[in-house]
Amino acid sequence: MVNPSRKKSRGTLALKGGFDAQAFLDSAGVSRKVKEFQKGGVIFSQGDPAESVLYIQKGGVKLSVVNESGKEAVIAILGPGDFFGEGCLAAQPVRIGNAVALHLSTLLLIDKKEMLKVLHEQHAFSDRFIHFMLARNIRVEEDLVDQLFNSSEKRLARTLLLLARYGKEDSPHGVLSNVSQETLAEMIGTTRPRVNFFMNKFRKLGFIKYNGSIEVNTSLLSVVLHD
């Protein structure tokens, strides 16, 4: 006899033409650990063994790398529904960067062998995972072009829009919290004073609002699109 609650969970896999990875992980019996990290908690550090893929259930994660002189560069800010740590699937023996919780976060840690097994056996999940990896690779390429050719003001505007997840929901604004000006400066390759200058400018122009968090209006696109 099929457990009704389990059957219902499986029925949520397809949502409006997409694949719900969280519903799959909840229903498919995937062997994994659930771990909670407080704000600032270190999830893994450069040089740690790469033994699992991580999935963000709640919260947010900052990925970064540190060079020999101690300078940090932020690679990405991730949120619920995002995977990271996938390098272990390509025979990466150790972590090449750091992962830190931006605020209270709940993560699913999926063992490398289990993840490979699921990717081979569950095509819907495999498609979802590959789509995510391709989308993030495109984002990395766009970030590189952004760093090479755009001003720090445009880079900041684009980063704020991306962090607010534009295109994900039909809304004229998005709310961004728990991201400091120091982190924004690291992400776009400039200084905190420059970020502060442009943030104040954006606020005066009505592109963003400060109220404990940052509310980003779609009108900020005008900065990105302006030549």
C-alpha atoms as a PDB file:
ATOM      1  CA  MET A   1       0.000   0.000   0.000  1.00  0.00           C
ATOM      2  CA  VAL A   2       1.336   3.423  -0.948  1.00  0.00           C
ATOM      3  CA  ASN A   3       1.735   5.976   1.829  1.00  0.00           C
ATOM      4  CA  PRO A   4      -0.699   8.840   0.934  1.00  0.00           C
ATOM      5  CA  SER A   5       1.657  11.550   2.150  1.00  0.00           C
ATOM      6  CA  ARG A   6       4.512  10.073   0.135  1.00  0.00           C
ATOM      7  CA  LYS A   7       2.330   9.877  -2.972  1.00  0.00           C
ATOM      8  CA  LYS A   8       1.299  13.489  -2.518  1.00  0.00           C
ATOM      9  CA  SER A   9       4.940  14.545  -2.192  1.00  0.00           C
ATOM     10  CA  ARG A  10       5.841  12.787  -5.431  1.00  0.00           C
ATOM     11  CA  GLY A  11       2.969  14.545  -7.124  1.00  0.00           C
ATOM     12  CA  THR A  12       4.561  17.929  -6.435  1.00  0.00           C
ATOM     13  CA  LEU A  13       7.643  17.219  -8.540  1.00  0.00           C
ATOM     14  CA  ALA A  14       6.342  19.050 -11.588  1.00  0.00           C
ATOM     15  CA  LEU A  15       5.393  22.636 -10.834  1.00  0.00           C
ATOM     16  CA  LYS A  16       4.269  24.918 -13.647  1.00  0.00           C
ATOM     17  CA  GLY A  17       6.484  23.273 -16.241  1.00  0.00           C
ATOM     18  CA  GLY A  18       9.530  22.969 -13.984  1.00  0.00           C
ATOM     19  CA  PHE A  19      11.127  20.353 -11.752  1.00  0.00           C
ATOM     20  CA  ASP A  20      10.941  20.834  -7.993  1.00  0.00           C
ATOM     21  CA  ALA A  21      14.317  19.598  -6.751  1.00  0.00           C
ATOM     22  CA  GLN A  22      13.346  20.046  -3.093  1.00  0.00           C
ATOM     23  CA  ALA A  23      10.237  17.872  -3.521  1.00  0.00           C
ATOM     24  CA  PHE A  24      12.367  15.218  -5.207  1.00  0.00           C
ATOM     25  CA  LEU A  25      14.956  15.222  -2.438  1.00  0.00           C
ATOM     26  CA  ASP A  26      12.163  14.950   0.120  1.00  0.00           C
ATOM     27  CA  SER A  27      10.418  12.057  -1.597  1.00  0.00           C
ATOM     28  CA  ALA A  28      13.008   9.941  -3.398  1.00  0.00           C
ATOM     29  CA  GLY A  29      14.769   8.465  -0.383  1.00  0.00           C
ATOM     30  CA  VAL A  30      18.040  10.203  -1.202  1.00  0.00           C
ATOM     31  CA  SER A  31      20.600   9.532   1.505  1.00  0.00           C
ATOM     32  CA  ARG A  32      21.614  12.888   2.917  1.00  0.00           C
ATOM     33  CA  LYS A  33      22.299  14.873   6.044  1.00  0.00           C
ATOM     34  CA  VAL A  34      20.465  18.003   7.111  1.00  0.00           C
ATOM     35  CA  LYS A  35      22.654  20.562   8.821  1.00  0.00           C
ATOM     36  CA  GLU A  36      21.959  24.031  10.161  1.00  0.00           C
ATOM     37  CA  PHE A  37      24.504  26.863  10.135  1.00  0.00           C
ATOM     38  CA  GLN A  38      24.311  30.092  12.082  1.00  0.00           C
ATOM     39  CA  LYS A  39      25.109  33.447  10.452  1.00  0.00           C
ATOM     40  CA  GLY A  40      28.834  33.524   9.650  1.00  0.00           C
ATOM     41  CA  GLY A  41      29.152  29.769  10.088  1.00  0.00           C
ATOM     42  CA  VAL A  42      31.845  28.119   7.959  1.00  0.00           C
ATOM     43  CA  ILE A  43      30.337  25.407   5.781  1.00  0.00           C
ATOM     44  CA  PHE A  44      33.672  24.453   4.251  1.00  0.00           C
ATOM     45  CA  SER A  45      37.075  26.052   3.674  1.00  0.00           C
ATOM     46  CA  GLN A  46      39.667  25.965   0.908  1.00  0.00           C
ATOM     47  CA  GLY A  47      41.604  22.720   1.134  1.00  0.00           C
ATOM     48  CA  ASP A  48      38.867  20.723   2.893  1.00  0.00           C
ATOM     49  CA  PRO A  49      38.096  17.289   1.395  1.00  0.00           C
ATOM     50  CA  ALA A  50      35.435  17.533  -1.334  1.00  0.00           C
ATOM     51  CA  GLU A  51      33.097  14.694  -0.426  1.00  0.00           C
ATOM     52  CA  SER A  52      29.568  15.994  -0.918  1.00  0.00           C
ATOM     53  CA  VAL A  53      27.232  18.233  -2.909  1.00  0.00           C
ATOM     54  CA  LEU A  54      25.191  20.738  -0.928  1.00  0.00           C
ATOM     55  CA  TYR A  55      21.660  22.012  -1.521  1.00  0.00           C
ATOM     56  CA  ILE A  56      20.313  25.149   0.144  1.00  0.00           C
ATOM     57  CA  GLN A  57      16.957  24.481   1.748  1.00  0.00           C
ATOM     58  CA  LYS A  58      16.724  27.760   3.672  1.00  0.00           C
ATOM     59  CA  GLY A  59      18.975  30.789   4.071  1.00  0.00           C
ATOM     60  CA  GLY A  60      21.889  32.006   1.974  1.00  0.00           C
ATOM     61  CA  VAL A  61      25.518  31.142   1.280  1.00  0.00           C
ATOM     62  CA  LYS A  62      28.525  33.176   0.171  1.00  0.00           C
ATOM     63  CA  LEU A  63      31.140  31.431  -1.981  1.00  0.00           C
ATOM     64  CA  SER A  64      34.597  33.009  -2.099  1.00  0.00           C
ATOM     65  CA  VAL A  65      38.272  32.355  -2.725  1.00  0.00           C
ATOM     66  CA  VAL A  66      41.286  33.776  -0.899  1.00  0.00           C
ATOM     67  CA  ASN A  67      44.694  34.286  -2.521  1.00  0.00           C
ATOM     68  CA  GLU A  68      48.089  33.781  -0.876  1.00  0.00           C
ATOM     69  CA  SER A  69      48.180  37.358   0.429  1.00  0.00           C
ATOM     70  CA  GLY A  70      44.789  36.908   2.122  1.00  0.00           C
ATOM     71  CA  LYS A  71      42.686  38.946  -0.311  1.00  0.00           C
ATOM     72  CA  GLU A  72      39.167  37.564  -0.663  1.00  0.00           C
ATOM     73  CA  ALA A  73      37.071  37.582  -3.825  1.00  0.00           C
ATOM     74  CA  VAL A  74      33.376  36.682  -3.697  1.00  0.00           C
ATOM     75  CA  ILE A  75      32.375  34.229  -6.422  1.00  0.00           C
ATOM     76  CA  ALA A  76      28.659  34.013  -5.787  1.00  0.00           C
ATOM     77  CA  ILE A  77      25.807  34.586  -3.373  1.00  0.00           C
ATOM     78  CA  LEU A  78      23.380  31.647  -3.401  1.00  0.00           C
ATOM     79  CA  GLY A  79      19.908  31.136  -1.960  1.00  0.00           C
ATOM     80  CA  PRO A  80      17.204  28.494  -1.460  1.00  0.00           C
ATOM     81  CA  GLY A  81      17.030  25.992  -4.316  1.00  0.00           C
ATOM     82  CA  ASP A  82      20.706  26.380  -5.276  1.00  0.00           C
ATOM     83  CA  PHE A  83      23.350  23.648  -5.327  1.00  0.00           C
ATOM     84  CA  PHE A  84      27.045  24.140  -4.620  1.00  0.00           C
ATOM     85  CA  GLY A  85      30.135  22.041  -3.924  1.00  0.00           C
ATOM     86  CA  GLU A  86      29.557  20.090  -7.143  1.00  0.00           C
ATOM     87  CA  GLY A  87      33.284  20.036  -7.959  1.00  0.00           C
ATOM     88  CA  CYS A  88      33.561  16.695  -6.161  1.00  0.00           C
ATOM     89  CA  LEU A  89      31.546  15.122  -8.997  1.00  0.00           C
ATOM     90  CA  ALA A  90      34.378  15.976 -11.407  1.00  0.00           C
ATOM     91  CA  ALA A  91      37.054  14.290  -9.292  1.00  0.00           C
ATOM     92  CA  GLN A  92      37.978  17.474  -7.432  1.00  0.00           C
ATOM     93  CA  PRO A  93      39.718  16.110  -4.299  1.00  0.00           C
ATOM     94  CA  VAL A  94      39.561  19.274  -2.173  1.00  0.00           C
ATOM     95  CA  ARG A  95      37.475  22.443  -1.985  1.00  0.00           C
ATOM     96  CA  ILE A  96      38.987  25.276  -4.010  1.00  0.00           C
ATOM     97  CA  GLY A  97      37.011  27.976  -2.209  1.00  0.00           C
ATOM     98  CA  ASN A  98      35.175  28.885   0.975  1.00  0.00           C
ATOM     99  CA  ALA A  99      31.466  28.674   1.773  1.00  0.00           C
ATOM    100  CA  VAL A 100      29.975  30.717   4.610  1.00  0.00           C
ATOM    101  CA  ALA A 101      26.362  31.091   5.771  1.00  0.00           C
ATOM    102  CA  LEU A 102      25.087  34.652   5.282  1.00  0.00           C
ATOM    103  CA  HIS A 103      22.403  34.087   7.919  1.00  0.00           C
ATOM    104  CA  LEU A 104      20.703  31.142   9.616  1.00  0.00           C
ATOM    105  CA  SER A 105      20.736  28.475   6.901  1.00  0.00           C
ATOM    106  CA  THR A 106      19.573  24.894   6.493  1.00  0.00           C
ATOM    107  CA  LEU A 107      21.525  22.748   4.038  1.00  0.00           C
ATOM    108  CA  LEU A 108      21.206  19.244   2.670  1.00  0.00           C
ATOM    109  CA  LEU A 109      24.557  17.470   2.364  1.00  0.00           C
ATOM    110  CA  ILE A 110      24.389  14.744  -0.281  1.00  0.00           C
ATOM    111  CA  ASP A 111      27.256  12.265  -0.415  1.00  0.00           C
ATOM    112  CA  LYS A 112      29.208  12.236  -3.701  1.00  0.00           C
ATOM    113  CA  LYS A 113      28.435   8.566  -4.457  1.00  0.00           C
ATOM    114  CA  GLU A 114      24.741   9.055  -3.709  1.00  0.00           C
ATOM    115  CA  MET A 115      24.592  12.147  -5.913  1.00  0.00           C
ATOM    116  CA  LEU A 116      26.224  10.336  -8.842  1.00  0.00           C
ATOM    117  CA  LYS A 117      23.820   7.434  -8.433  1.00  0.00           C
ATOM    118  CA  VAL A 118      20.778   9.734  -8.439  1.00  0.00           C
ATOM    119  CA  LEU A 119      22.045  11.649 -11.482  1.00  0.00           C
ATOM    120  CA  HIS A 120      22.394   8.396 -13.418  1.00  0.00           C
ATOM    121  CA  GLU A 121      19.069   6.904 -12.361  1.00  0.00           C
ATOM    122  CA  GLN A 122      16.716   9.882 -12.080  1.00  0.00           C
ATOM    123  CA  HIS A 123      16.528  11.722 -15.391  1.00  0.00           C
ATOM    124  CA  ALA A 124      14.222  14.509 -14.219  1.00  0.00           C
ATOM    125  CA  PHE A 125      16.577  15.343 -11.386  1.00  0.00           C
ATOM    126  CA  SER A 126      19.586  15.067 -13.704  1.00  0.00           C
ATOM    127  CA  ASP A 127      17.996  17.520 -16.155  1.00  0.00           C
ATOM    128  CA  ARG A 128      17.275  19.973 -13.336  1.00  0.00           C
ATOM    129  CA  PHE A 129      20.821  19.742 -12.017  1.00  0.00           C
ATOM    130  CA  ILE A 130      22.428  20.172 -15.453  1.00  0.00           C
ATOM    131  CA  HIS A 131      20.186  23.168 -16.150  1.00  0.00           C
ATOM    132  CA  PHE A 132      21.326  24.770 -12.906  1.00  0.00           C
ATOM    133  CA  MET A 133      25.006  24.135 -13.667  1.00  0.00           C
ATOM    134  CA  LEU A 134      24.709  25.582 -17.182  1.00  0.00           C
ATOM    135  CA  ALA A 135      22.860  28.639 -15.912  1.00  0.00           C
ATOM    136  CA  ARG A 136      25.536  29.282 -13.304  1.00  0.00           C
ATOM    137  CA  ASN A 137      28.312  28.816 -15.855  1.00  0.00           C
ATOM    138  CA  ILE A 138      26.656  31.441 -18.064  1.00  0.00           C
ATOM    139  CA  ARG A 139      26.452  33.727 -15.024  1.00  0.00           C
ATOM    140  CA  VAL A 140      30.203  33.304 -14.386  1.00  0.00           C
ATOM    141  CA  GLU A 141      30.981  34.192 -18.004  1.00  0.00           C
ATOM    142  CA  GLU A 142      28.738  37.251 -17.804  1.00  0.00           C
ATOM    143  CA  ASP A 143      30.443  38.303 -14.567  1.00  0.00           C
ATOM    144  CA  LEU A 144      33.840  38.084 -16.274  1.00  0.00           C
ATOM    145  CA  VAL A 145      32.689  40.266 -19.168  1.00  0.00           C
ATOM    146  CA  ASP A 146      31.138  42.645 -16.633  1.00  0.00           C
ATOM    147  CA  GLN A 147      34.442  42.963 -14.763  1.00  0.00           C
ATOM    148  CA  LEU A 148      36.410  43.546 -17.957  1.00  0.00           C
ATOM    149  CA  PHE A 149      34.221  46.086 -19.727  1.00  0.00           C
ATOM    150  CA  ASN A 150      31.768  47.788 -17.363  1.00  0.00           C
ATOM    151  CA  SER A 151      32.225  50.566 -14.825  1.00  0.00           C
ATOM    152  CA  SER A 152      31.966  49.821 -11.104  1.00  0.00           C
ATOM    153  CA  GLU A 153      28.608  51.649 -11.041  1.00  0.00           C
ATOM    154  CA  LYS A 154      27.137  49.338 -13.703  1.00  0.00           C
ATOM    155  CA  ARG A 155      28.669  46.290 -12.024  1.00  0.00           C
ATOM    156  CA  LEU A 156      27.050  47.230  -8.725  1.00  0.00           C
ATOM    157  CA  ALA A 157      23.654  47.845 -10.351  1.00  0.00           C
ATOM    158  CA  ARG A 158      23.781  44.484 -12.139  1.00  0.00           C
ATOM    159  CA  THR A 159      24.851  42.670  -8.965  1.00  0.00           C
ATOM    160  CA  LEU A 160      22.010  44.180  -6.939  1.00  0.00           C
ATOM    161  CA  LEU A 161      19.502  43.166  -9.610  1.00  0.00           C
ATOM    162  CA  LEU A 162      20.854  39.609  -9.741  1.00  0.00           C
ATOM    163  CA  LEU A 163      20.908  39.222  -5.969  1.00  0.00           C
ATOM    164  CA  ALA A 164      17.289  40.398  -5.840  1.00  0.00           C
ATOM    165  CA  ARG A 165      16.516  37.551  -8.275  1.00  0.00           C
ATOM    166  CA  TYR A 166      14.892  39.528 -11.097  1.00  0.00           C
ATOM    167  CA  GLY A 167      13.053  37.425 -13.648  1.00  0.00           C
ATOM    168  CA  LYS A 168      12.179  34.838 -11.011  1.00  0.00           C
ATOM    169  CA  GLU A 169       8.951  36.512  -9.992  1.00  0.00           C
ATOM    170  CA  ASP A 170       6.690  39.035 -11.659  1.00  0.00           C
ATOM    171  CA  SER A 171       7.371  41.910  -9.281  1.00  0.00           C
ATOM    172  CA  PRO A 172       8.527  45.525  -9.718  1.00  0.00           C
ATOM    173  CA  HIS A 173      10.954  45.192  -6.829  1.00  0.00           C
ATOM    174  CA  GLY A 174      12.937  42.650  -4.850  1.00  0.00           C
ATOM    175  CA  VAL A 175      14.232  42.642  -1.294  1.00  0.00           C
ATOM    176  CA  LEU A 176      17.872  42.025  -0.538  1.00  0.00           C
ATOM    177  CA  SER A 177      19.014  41.366   3.023  1.00  0.00           C
ATOM    178  CA  ASN A 178      22.135  40.294   4.878  1.00  0.00           C
ATOM    179  CA  VAL A 179      24.558  41.450   2.197  1.00  0.00           C
ATOM    180  CA  SER A 180      27.032  44.045   3.415  1.00  0.00           C
ATOM    181  CA  GLN A 181      28.700  46.781   1.397  1.00  0.00           C
ATOM    182  CA  GLU A 182      31.998  44.991   2.019  1.00  0.00           C
ATOM    183  CA  THR A 183      30.617  41.882   0.330  1.00  0.00           C
ATOM    184  CA  LEU A 184      29.263  43.909  -2.585  1.00  0.00           C
ATOM    185  CA  ALA A 185      32.680  45.553  -2.996  1.00  0.00           C
ATOM    186  CA  GLU A 186      34.355  42.129  -3.098  1.00  0.00           C
ATOM    187  CA  MET A 187      31.866  40.891  -5.662  1.00  0.00           C
ATOM    188  CA  ILE A 188      32.357  43.734  -8.128  1.00  0.00           C
ATOM    189  CA  GLY A 189      36.070  44.329  -7.556  1.00  0.00           C
ATOM    190  CA  THR A 190      36.063  47.798  -6.023  1.00  0.00           C
ATOM    191  CA  THR A 191      36.267  49.482  -2.610  1.00  0.00           C
ATOM    192  CA  ARG A 192      33.592  49.882   0.060  1.00  0.00           C
ATOM    193  CA  PRO A 193      33.647  53.717  -0.185  1.00  0.00           C
ATOM    194  CA  ARG A 194      32.867  53.444  -3.910  1.00  0.00           C
ATOM    195  CA  VAL A 195      29.999  51.074  -3.200  1.00  0.00           C
ATOM    196  CA  ASN A 196      28.688  53.436  -0.509  1.00  0.00           C
ATOM    197  CA  PHE A 197      28.863  56.367  -2.959  1.00  0.00           C
ATOM    198  CA  PHE A 198      26.849  54.551  -5.630  1.00  0.00           C
ATOM    199  CA  MET A 199      24.375  53.118  -3.130  1.00  0.00           C
ATOM    200  CA  ASN A 200      23.593  56.624  -1.904  1.00  0.00           C
ATOM    201  CA  LYS A 201      23.254  57.775  -5.505  1.00  0.00           C
ATOM    202  CA  PHE A 202      20.855  54.920  -6.326  1.00  0.00           C
ATOM    203  CA  ARG A 203      18.801  55.733  -3.237  1.00  0.00           C
ATOM    204  CA  LYS A 204      18.503  59.420  -4.121  1.00  0.00           C
ATOM    205  CA  LEU A 205      17.343  58.460  -7.614  1.00  0.00           C
ATOM    206  CA  GLY A 206      14.705  56.113  -6.188  1.00  0.00           C
ATOM    207  CA  PHE A 207      16.301  52.942  -7.548  1.00  0.00           C
ATOM    208  CA  ILE A 208      16.724  51.385  -4.089  1.00  0.00           C
ATOM    209  CA  LYS A 209      15.420  51.866  -0.542  1.00  0.00           C
ATOM    210  CA  TYR A 210      17.018  51.116   2.813  1.00  0.00           C
ATOM    211  CA  ASN A 211      14.785  49.778   5.562  1.00  0.00           C
ATOM    212  CA  GLY A 212      16.825  47.233   7.491  1.00  0.00           C
ATOM    213  CA  SER A 213      17.233  45.500   4.145  1.00  0.00           C
ATOM    214  CA  ILE A 214      17.673  46.780   0.601  1.00  0.00           C
ATOM    215  CA  GLU A 215      14.625  47.058  -1.641  1.00  0.00           C
ATOM    216  CA  VAL A 216      15.715  47.056  -5.272  1.00  0.00           C
ATOM    217  CA  ASN A 217      13.408  48.525  -7.907  1.00  0.00           C
ATOM    218  CA  THR A 218      13.472  47.309 -11.514  1.00  0.00           C
ATOM    219  CA  SER A 219      14.146  50.912 -12.553  1.00  0.00           C
ATOM    220  CA  LEU A 220      17.771  50.193 -11.579  1.00  0.00           C
ATOM    221  CA  LEU A 221      17.991  48.446 -14.962  1.00  0.00           C
ATOM    222  CA  SER A 222      18.356  51.893 -16.505  1.00  0.00           C
ATOM    223  CA  VAL A 223      21.853  52.107 -15.015  1.00  0.00           C
ATOM    224  CA  VAL A 224      22.850  48.766 -16.524  1.00  0.00           C
ATOM    225  CA  LEU A 225      21.411  49.574 -19.949  1.00  0.00           C
ATOM    226  CA  HIS A 226      22.696  53.149 -20.154  1.00  0.00           C
ATOM    227  CA  ASP A 227      25.712  53.601 -22.455  1.00  0.00           C
END
